[in-house]
Amino acid sequence: MEKYKPVYNLLKNLNISFSVVEHPPVYTTEEADKYIEGIDAVPTKTLFLCNRKKNKYYLVIMDDKKILDMKKLGDLIGEKGMKFASPEKLKEKMDLTPGMVSIFGLMNNTTHDINLCLDRDMLDSKNLTFHPNDNTKTLIIATKAIYKLLKKLDYEFKIIDL
């Protein structure tokens, strides 16, 4: 089954409306943004990170126009040595590959061992964009619907000021 179908099915079961823009495969937010220009939504970037000891994992979601200050993030969450987790850990934890990471990868994290951090600035917008676990599509979804999704997935999160 294509990886986007479980995402669509979950959203439909939760009565969460969304729209989709299809495009060629993209691997960076800059590439993806070209296909959603003019859409009333904050394009997001989702980063899969780990601490220095590689024993805690974090999904950080923020406006893709921002640049993440890893030291500041570490200070905010009480971790040192924050860095990108390996592609192997990404596959193990969320069954995804680089370029496809989004909030919907949490659907595949059955052990619930990923800490979710949402940047406050993007949460003021009406809509957000994410890949639906497939980098040939960009999904536009109401920001408030993300909370409903996270409740269904039984995921807690921190709102941070990056």
N, C-alpha and C. Protein backbone atom coordinates (compact mmCIF):
# COMPACT_ATOMS: atom_id res chain seq x y z
N MET A 1 0.84 -1.18 0.00
CA MET A 1 0.00 0.00 0.00
C MET A 1 0.88 1.25 0.00
N GLU A 2 0.47 2.25 -0.76
CA GLU A 2 1.21 3.50 -0.76
C GLU A 2 1.15 4.12 0.63
N LYS A 3 2.25 4.75 1.05
CA LYS A 3 2.36 5.27 2.42
C LYS A 3 1.38 6.40 2.71
N TYR A 4 0.88 7.10 1.71
CA TYR A 4 -0.06 8.19 1.95
C TYR A 4 -1.47 7.70 2.27
N LYS A 5 -1.82 6.51 1.83
CA LYS A 5 -3.20 6.03 2.01
C LYS A 5 -3.61 5.90 3.48
N PRO A 6 -2.77 5.33 4.36
CA PRO A 6 -3.16 5.31 5.78
C PRO A 6 -3.36 6.71 6.37
N VAL A 7 -2.58 7.67 5.89
CA VAL A 7 -2.74 9.05 6.36
C VAL A 7 -4.11 9.58 5.94
N TYR A 8 -4.43 9.43 4.66
CA TYR A 8 -5.74 9.89 4.16
C TYR A 8 -6.87 9.19 4.91
N ASN A 9 -6.74 7.89 5.11
CA ASN A 9 -7.80 7.13 5.79
C ASN A 9 -7.98 7.61 7.23
N LEU A 10 -6.89 7.83 7.94
CA LEU A 10 -7.00 8.31 9.32
C LEU A 10 -7.68 9.67 9.37
N LEU A 11 -7.27 10.57 8.50
CA LEU A 11 -7.87 11.91 8.49
C LEU A 11 -9.36 11.84 8.15
N LYS A 12 -9.70 11.01 7.21
CA LYS A 12 -11.12 10.85 6.85
C LYS A 12 -11.92 10.26 8.01
N ASN A 13 -11.35 9.28 8.69
CA ASN A 13 -12.03 8.67 9.85
C ASN A 13 -12.21 9.67 10.99
N LEU A 14 -11.32 10.66 11.08
CA LEU A 14 -11.42 11.69 12.12
C LEU A 14 -12.25 12.89 11.65
N ASN A 15 -12.80 12.79 10.44
CA ASN A 15 -13.55 13.89 9.83
C ASN A 15 -12.72 15.16 9.75
N ILE A 16 -11.46 15.00 9.41
CA ILE A 16 -10.56 16.13 9.22
C ILE A 16 -10.43 16.37 7.72
N SER A 17 -10.81 17.55 7.30
CA SER A 17 -10.70 17.86 5.87
C SER A 17 -9.27 18.30 5.56
N PHE A 18 -8.90 18.05 4.33
CA PHE A 18 -7.56 18.41 3.86
C PHE A 18 -7.59 18.50 2.35
N SER A 19 -6.60 19.16 1.81
CA SER A 19 -6.43 19.16 0.36
C SER A 19 -5.01 18.72 0.06
N VAL A 20 -4.78 18.32 -1.17
CA VAL A 20 -3.49 17.76 -1.56
C VAL A 20 -3.02 18.38 -2.87
N VAL A 21 -1.75 18.69 -2.91
CA VAL A 21 -1.09 19.12 -4.14
C VAL A 21 -0.13 18.00 -4.51
N GLU A 22 -0.30 17.45 -5.71
CA GLU A 22 0.62 16.41 -6.17
C GLU A 22 1.72 17.06 -6.99
N HIS A 23 2.92 16.48 -6.92
CA HIS A 23 4.08 17.04 -7.59
C HIS A 23 5.14 15.96 -7.75
N PRO A 24 6.19 16.23 -8.52
CA PRO A 24 7.28 15.25 -8.60
C PRO A 24 7.93 15.07 -7.22
N PRO A 25 8.69 14.00 -7.02
CA PRO A 25 9.35 13.80 -5.73
C PRO A 25 10.23 15.01 -5.37
N VAL A 26 10.14 15.43 -4.11
CA VAL A 26 10.96 16.53 -3.60
C VAL A 26 11.67 16.05 -2.34
N TYR A 27 12.84 16.60 -2.11
CA TYR A 27 13.65 16.15 -0.97
C TYR A 27 14.02 17.27 -0.02
N THR A 28 13.66 18.50 -0.38
CA THR A 28 13.92 19.64 0.50
C THR A 28 12.67 20.50 0.57
N THR A 29 12.60 21.32 1.59
CA THR A 29 11.44 22.22 1.72
C THR A 29 11.46 23.25 0.58
N GLU A 30 12.64 23.65 0.15
CA GLU A 30 12.73 24.62 -0.94
C GLU A 30 12.10 24.06 -2.22
N GLU A 31 12.36 22.79 -2.50
CA GLU A 31 11.76 22.16 -3.68
C GLU A 31 10.24 22.08 -3.53
N ALA A 32 9.79 21.65 -2.37
CA ALA A 32 8.35 21.47 -2.15
C ALA A 32 7.60 22.80 -2.21
N ASP A 33 8.21 23.85 -1.69
CA ASP A 33 7.55 25.16 -1.65
C ASP A 33 7.16 25.68 -3.03
N LYS A 34 7.91 25.31 -4.04
CA LYS A 34 7.61 25.77 -5.41
C LYS A 34 6.22 25.31 -5.86
N TYR A 35 5.76 24.19 -5.33
CA TYR A 35 4.49 23.62 -5.78
C TYR A 35 3.29 24.12 -4.97
N ILE A 36 3.56 24.82 -3.88
CA ILE A 36 2.44 25.29 -3.05
C ILE A 36 2.42 26.81 -2.91
N GLU A 37 3.12 27.49 -3.80
CA GLU A 37 3.13 28.96 -3.78
C GLU A 37 1.69 29.47 -3.89
N GLY A 38 1.37 30.48 -3.10
CA GLY A 38 0.06 31.10 -3.17
C GLY A 38 -1.01 30.42 -2.33
N ILE A 39 -0.70 29.29 -1.74
CA ILE A 39 -1.66 28.59 -0.89
C ILE A 39 -1.61 29.20 0.51
N ASP A 40 -2.79 29.40 1.11
CA ASP A 40 -2.88 30.01 2.43
C ASP A 40 -2.52 28.99 3.51
N ALA A 41 -1.23 28.79 3.70
CA ALA A 41 -0.75 27.82 4.69
C ALA A 41 0.72 28.09 4.96
N VAL A 42 1.14 27.77 6.17
CA VAL A 42 2.56 27.86 6.51
C VAL A 42 3.22 26.56 6.09
N PRO A 43 4.18 26.63 5.17
CA PRO A 43 4.93 25.42 4.83
C PRO A 43 5.80 25.03 6.02
N THR A 44 5.76 23.78 6.37
CA THR A 44 6.53 23.34 7.53
C THR A 44 7.73 22.51 7.12
N LYS A 45 8.68 22.44 8.06
CA LYS A 45 9.74 21.45 7.93
C LYS A 45 9.71 20.64 9.21
N THR A 46 9.95 19.37 9.04
CA THR A 46 9.91 18.43 10.15
C THR A 46 11.28 17.77 10.23
N LEU A 47 11.91 17.90 11.39
CA LEU A 47 13.27 17.41 11.57
C LEU A 47 13.28 16.29 12.59
N PHE A 48 13.90 15.17 12.23
CA PHE A 48 14.03 14.03 13.12
C PHE A 48 15.43 14.08 13.73
N LEU A 49 15.49 14.33 15.03
CA LEU A 49 16.74 14.59 15.72
C LEU A 49 16.95 13.64 16.89
N CYS A 50 18.17 13.61 17.39
CA CYS A 50 18.47 12.83 18.60
C CYS A 50 19.44 13.61 19.47
N ASN A 51 19.55 13.18 20.71
CA ASN A 51 20.51 13.81 21.62
C ASN A 51 21.90 13.21 21.40
N ARG A 52 22.86 13.73 22.13
CA ARG A 52 24.25 13.29 21.98
C ARG A 52 24.40 11.78 22.21
N LYS A 53 23.69 11.26 23.21
CA LYS A 53 23.81 9.84 23.55
C LYS A 53 23.03 8.93 22.60
N LYS A 54 22.24 9.52 21.70
CA LYS A 54 21.42 8.77 20.74
C LYS A 54 20.44 7.84 21.46
N ASN A 55 19.94 8.30 22.62
CA ASN A 55 18.96 7.48 23.33
C ASN A 55 17.61 8.18 23.49
N LYS A 56 17.51 9.41 22.97
CA LYS A 56 16.24 10.13 22.95
C LYS A 56 16.07 10.74 21.57
N TYR A 57 14.84 10.62 21.05
CA TYR A 57 14.56 11.08 19.70
C TYR A 57 13.49 12.17 19.73
N TYR A 58 13.63 13.12 18.81
CA TYR A 58 12.76 14.28 18.77
C TYR A 58 12.29 14.54 17.35
N LEU A 59 11.04 14.90 17.23
CA LEU A 59 10.49 15.39 15.98
C LEU A 59 10.18 16.86 16.22
N VAL A 60 10.87 17.72 15.49
CA VAL A 60 10.71 19.16 15.64
C VAL A 60 10.03 19.68 14.39
N ILE A 61 8.92 20.38 14.58
CA ILE A 61 8.17 20.90 13.45
C ILE A 61 8.13 22.42 13.57
N MET A 62 8.48 23.07 12.45
CA MET A 62 8.58 24.53 12.45
C MET A 62 8.30 25.07 11.06
N ASP A 63 8.10 26.37 10.98
CA ASP A 63 7.96 27.06 9.69
C ASP A 63 9.23 26.80 8.89
N ASP A 64 9.07 26.40 7.64
CA ASP A 64 10.26 26.03 6.88
C ASP A 64 11.15 27.22 6.51
N LYS A 65 10.68 28.42 6.79
CA LYS A 65 11.51 29.61 6.53
C LYS A 65 12.52 29.85 7.66
N LYS A 66 12.29 29.22 8.79
CA LYS A 66 13.19 29.39 9.93
C LYS A 66 14.39 28.45 9.80
N ILE A 67 15.47 28.87 10.43
CA ILE A 67 16.66 28.02 10.52
C ILE A 67 16.77 27.57 11.97
N LEU A 68 16.90 26.29 12.17
CA LEU A 68 16.96 25.75 13.52
C LEU A 68 18.32 25.99 14.15
N ASP A 69 18.31 26.57 15.32
CA ASP A 69 19.50 26.73 16.14
C ASP A 69 19.53 25.53 17.09
N MET A 70 20.38 24.56 16.80
CA MET A 70 20.42 23.31 17.57
C MET A 70 20.76 23.55 19.04
N LYS A 71 21.65 24.48 19.29
CA LYS A 71 22.02 24.77 20.69
C LYS A 71 20.82 25.32 21.44
N LYS A 72 20.11 26.27 20.83
CA LYS A 72 18.92 26.85 21.46
C LYS A 72 17.88 25.76 21.71
N LEU A 73 17.65 24.91 20.71
CA LEU A 73 16.71 23.80 20.89
C LEU A 73 17.13 22.95 22.08
N GLY A 74 18.39 22.58 22.14
CA GLY A 74 18.89 21.77 23.25
C GLY A 74 18.63 22.43 24.60
N ASP A 75 18.87 23.74 24.67
CA ASP A 75 18.61 24.48 25.91
C ASP A 75 17.12 24.44 26.26
N LEU A 76 16.26 24.59 25.26
CA LEU A 76 14.81 24.60 25.50
C LEU A 76 14.28 23.27 26.02
N ILE A 77 14.88 22.18 25.55
CA ILE A 77 14.37 20.85 25.92
C ILE A 77 15.26 20.12 26.92
N GLY A 78 16.34 20.78 27.35
CA GLY A 78 17.22 20.17 28.36
C GLY A 78 18.09 19.05 27.83
N GLU A 79 18.55 19.18 26.60
CA GLU A 79 19.42 18.17 25.99
C GLU A 79 20.69 18.84 25.48
N LYS A 80 21.75 18.05 25.38
CA LYS A 80 23.00 18.54 24.82
C LYS A 80 23.34 17.74 23.57
N GLY A 81 24.06 18.40 22.68
CA GLY A 81 24.55 17.70 21.49
C GLY A 81 23.46 17.27 20.53
N MET A 82 22.44 18.08 20.34
CA MET A 82 21.37 17.72 19.41
C MET A 82 21.92 17.63 17.99
N LYS A 83 21.48 16.59 17.29
CA LYS A 83 21.91 16.41 15.90
C LYS A 83 20.86 15.60 15.15
N PHE A 84 21.01 15.54 13.84
CA PHE A 84 20.09 14.76 13.03
C PHE A 84 20.28 13.28 13.33
N ALA A 85 19.19 12.57 13.48
CA ALA A 85 19.26 11.13 13.67
C ALA A 85 19.57 10.47 12.32
N SER A 86 20.06 9.28 12.37
CA SER A 86 20.47 8.59 11.14
C SER A 86 19.26 8.16 10.31
N PRO A 87 19.47 7.99 9.01
CA PRO A 87 18.40 7.45 8.16
C PRO A 87 17.91 6.07 8.64
N GLU A 88 18.82 5.31 9.22
CA GLU A 88 18.44 3.98 9.72
C GLU A 88 17.48 4.10 10.91
N LYS A 89 17.76 5.05 11.81
CA LYS A 89 16.86 5.26 12.95
C LYS A 89 15.52 5.82 12.48
N LEU A 90 15.54 6.67 11.48
CA LEU A 90 14.31 7.21 10.91
C LEU A 90 13.45 6.07 10.36
N LYS A 91 14.07 5.16 9.67
CA LYS A 91 13.34 4.00 9.12
C LYS A 91 12.81 3.13 10.27
N GLU A 92 13.64 2.89 11.27
CA GLU A 92 13.24 2.05 12.40
C GLU A 92 12.09 2.68 13.20
N LYS A 93 12.19 3.97 13.47
CA LYS A 93 11.23 4.63 14.36
C LYS A 93 9.93 5.05 13.67
N MET A 94 10.03 5.47 12.38
CA MET A 94 8.83 5.98 11.71
C MET A 94 8.56 5.34 10.36
N ASP A 95 9.37 4.37 9.97
CA ASP A 95 9.22 3.70 8.68
C ASP A 95 9.22 4.70 7.53
N LEU A 96 10.12 5.69 7.62
CA LEU A 96 10.24 6.70 6.58
C LEU A 96 11.70 6.84 6.15
N THR A 97 11.89 7.51 5.03
CA THR A 97 13.23 7.81 4.55
C THR A 97 13.39 9.33 4.49
N PRO A 98 14.62 9.84 4.48
CA PRO A 98 14.81 11.28 4.41
C PRO A 98 14.05 11.88 3.23
N GLY A 99 13.47 13.06 3.45
CA GLY A 99 12.67 13.72 2.42
C GLY A 99 11.18 13.46 2.58
N MET A 100 10.81 12.52 3.44
CA MET A 100 9.40 12.18 3.64
C MET A 100 8.94 12.42 5.07
N VAL A 101 9.80 12.99 5.89
CA VAL A 101 9.50 13.13 7.31
C VAL A 101 8.41 14.18 7.53
N SER A 102 7.41 13.81 8.33
CA SER A 102 6.36 14.75 8.71
C SER A 102 5.69 14.25 9.99
N ILE A 103 4.77 15.03 10.46
CA ILE A 103 4.02 14.67 11.67
C ILE A 103 3.31 13.32 11.51
N PHE A 104 2.97 12.97 10.28
CA PHE A 104 2.24 11.72 10.04
C PHE A 104 3.12 10.48 10.23
N GLY A 105 4.42 10.65 10.29
CA GLY A 105 5.31 9.53 10.59
C GLY A 105 5.07 8.98 11.98
N LEU A 106 4.48 9.80 12.86
CA LEU A 106 4.17 9.33 14.21
C LEU A 106 3.16 8.19 14.20
N MET A 107 2.39 8.08 13.14
CA MET A 107 1.45 6.96 13.00
C MET A 107 2.18 5.62 13.05
N ASN A 108 3.42 5.62 12.60
CA ASN A 108 4.22 4.39 12.51
C ASN A 108 5.10 4.16 13.73
N ASN A 109 5.10 5.08 14.67
CA ASN A 109 5.95 4.96 15.85
C ASN A 109 5.16 4.29 16.98
N THR A 110 5.05 2.99 16.90
CA THR A 110 4.21 2.23 17.83
C THR A 110 4.72 2.26 19.26
N THR A 111 6.01 2.52 19.44
CA THR A 111 6.57 2.55 20.79
C THR A 111 6.41 3.93 21.46
N HIS A 112 5.93 4.90 20.72
CA HIS A 112 5.72 6.26 21.26
C HIS A 112 6.96 6.79 21.96
N ASP A 113 8.12 6.57 21.36
CA ASP A 113 9.36 7.02 22.00
C ASP A 113 10.00 8.20 21.28
N ILE A 114 9.18 8.96 20.57
CA ILE A 114 9.65 10.18 19.93
C ILE A 114 9.00 11.36 20.64
N ASN A 115 9.81 12.31 21.04
CA ASN A 115 9.32 13.52 21.69
C ASN A 115 8.98 14.55 20.62
N LEU A 116 7.77 15.07 20.66
CA LEU A 116 7.31 16.00 19.64
C LEU A 116 7.40 17.44 20.15
N CYS A 117 8.02 18.29 19.35
CA CYS A 117 8.14 19.72 19.67
C CYS A 117 7.58 20.53 18.51
N LEU A 118 6.63 21.41 18.82
CA LEU A 118 6.01 22.27 17.82
C LEU A 118 6.42 23.71 18.08
N ASP A 119 6.87 24.39 17.05
CA ASP A 119 7.25 25.79 17.20
C ASP A 119 6.00 26.66 17.28
N ARG A 120 5.95 27.49 18.29
CA ARG A 120 4.77 28.33 18.57
C ARG A 120 4.39 29.22 17.38
N ASP A 121 5.36 29.80 16.69
CA ASP A 121 5.05 30.75 15.62
C ASP A 121 4.13 30.18 14.54
N MET A 122 4.34 28.96 14.15
CA MET A 122 3.52 28.39 13.07
C MET A 122 2.11 28.06 13.54
N LEU A 123 1.92 27.88 14.83
CA LEU A 123 0.62 27.48 15.35
C LEU A 123 -0.41 28.60 15.30
N ASP A 124 0.02 29.82 15.03
CA ASP A 124 -0.91 30.94 14.88
C ASP A 124 -1.55 30.98 13.50
N SER A 125 -1.04 30.20 12.57
CA SER A 125 -1.57 30.23 11.21
C SER A 125 -2.83 29.37 11.10
N LYS A 126 -3.60 29.63 10.08
CA LYS A 126 -4.85 28.89 9.86
C LYS A 126 -4.58 27.46 9.38
N ASN A 127 -3.60 27.33 8.48
CA ASN A 127 -3.30 26.03 7.87
C ASN A 127 -1.80 25.76 7.87
N LEU A 128 -1.47 24.47 7.84
CA LEU A 128 -0.09 24.01 7.76
C LEU A 128 0.04 23.02 6.60
N THR A 129 1.25 22.81 6.13
CA THR A 129 1.48 21.82 5.08
C THR A 129 2.44 20.75 5.57
N PHE A 130 2.21 19.53 5.11
CA PHE A 130 3.05 18.39 5.44
C PHE A 130 3.03 17.40 4.28
N HIS A 131 4.09 16.63 4.14
CA HIS A 131 4.03 15.46 3.27
C HIS A 131 3.21 14.40 4.00
N PRO A 132 2.33 13.69 3.29
CA PRO A 132 1.58 12.61 3.93
C PRO A 132 2.36 11.28 3.87
N ASN A 133 3.60 11.30 4.38
CA ASN A 133 4.51 10.15 4.34
C ASN A 133 4.87 9.75 2.91
N ASP A 134 4.78 10.71 2.00
CA ASP A 134 5.05 10.51 0.59
C ASP A 134 5.52 11.86 0.04
N ASN A 135 6.71 11.90 -0.54
CA ASN A 135 7.24 13.18 -0.98
C ASN A 135 6.81 13.58 -2.40
N THR A 136 5.76 12.96 -2.91
CA THR A 136 5.17 13.39 -4.18
C THR A 136 3.84 14.10 -3.95
N LYS A 137 3.56 14.40 -2.69
CA LYS A 137 2.32 15.07 -2.33
C LYS A 137 2.59 16.03 -1.17
N THR A 138 1.86 17.14 -1.17
CA THR A 138 1.88 18.04 -0.04
C THR A 138 0.44 18.22 0.41
N LEU A 139 0.22 17.96 1.67
CA LEU A 139 -1.12 18.01 2.25
C LEU A 139 -1.30 19.34 2.99
N ILE A 140 -2.44 19.97 2.77
CA ILE A 140 -2.77 21.21 3.47
C ILE A 140 -3.87 20.87 4.46
N ILE A 141 -3.64 21.22 5.72
CA ILE A 141 -4.54 20.83 6.80
C ILE A 141 -4.67 21.99 7.78
N ALA A 142 -5.85 22.13 8.37
CA ALA A 142 -6.06 23.18 9.37
C ALA A 142 -5.17 22.93 10.57
N THR A 143 -4.58 23.99 11.07
CA THR A 143 -3.69 23.86 12.23
C THR A 143 -4.42 23.23 13.41
N LYS A 144 -5.65 23.65 13.65
CA LYS A 144 -6.40 23.10 14.79
C LYS A 144 -6.65 21.60 14.63
N ALA A 145 -6.67 21.09 13.41
CA ALA A 145 -6.87 19.65 13.18
C ALA A 145 -5.68 18.83 13.65
N ILE A 146 -4.51 19.46 13.70
CA ILE A 146 -3.32 18.74 14.16
C ILE A 146 -3.50 18.27 15.60
N TYR A 147 -4.14 19.10 16.42
CA TYR A 147 -4.37 18.71 17.82
C TYR A 147 -5.29 17.49 17.91
N LYS A 148 -6.30 17.46 17.05
CA LYS A 148 -7.22 16.31 17.01
C LYS A 148 -6.46 15.05 16.58
N LEU A 149 -5.60 15.19 15.60
CA LEU A 149 -4.78 14.07 15.14
C LEU A 149 -3.88 13.56 16.25
N LEU A 150 -3.20 14.46 16.93
CA LEU A 150 -2.28 14.05 17.99
C LEU A 150 -3.01 13.40 19.15
N LYS A 151 -4.21 13.86 19.44
CA LYS A 151 -5.00 13.23 20.50
C LYS A 151 -5.35 11.79 20.10
N LYS A 152 -5.75 11.61 18.85
CA LYS A 152 -6.09 10.26 18.36
C LYS A 152 -4.86 9.34 18.42
N LEU A 153 -3.69 9.89 18.07
CA LEU A 153 -2.46 9.09 18.10
C LEU A 153 -1.90 8.94 19.51
N ASP A 154 -2.53 9.61 20.47
CA ASP A 154 -2.11 9.59 21.88
C ASP A 154 -0.68 10.11 22.03
N TYR A 155 -0.43 11.25 21.37
CA TYR A 155 0.89 11.87 21.43
C TYR A 155 0.82 13.19 22.18
N GLU A 156 1.68 13.32 23.17
CA GLU A 156 1.85 14.59 23.85
C GLU A 156 2.90 15.38 23.08
N PHE A 157 2.91 16.68 23.30
CA PHE A 157 3.86 17.53 22.60
C PHE A 157 4.20 18.74 23.45
N LYS A 158 5.33 19.35 23.10
CA LYS A 158 5.75 20.59 23.74
C LYS A 158 5.64 21.69 22.70
N ILE A 159 5.14 22.85 23.12
CA ILE A 159 5.16 24.01 22.25
C ILE A 159 6.37 24.84 22.70
N ILE A 160 7.25 25.10 21.76
CA ILE A 160 8.50 25.80 22.08
C ILE A 160 8.64 27.04 21.20
N ASP A 161 9.47 27.96 21.64
CA ASP A 161 9.73 29.19 20.90
C ASP A 161 11.11 29.12 20.28
N LEU A 162 11.12 28.72 19.02
CA LEU A 162 12.40 28.64 18.30
C LEU A 162 12.69 29.99 17.71
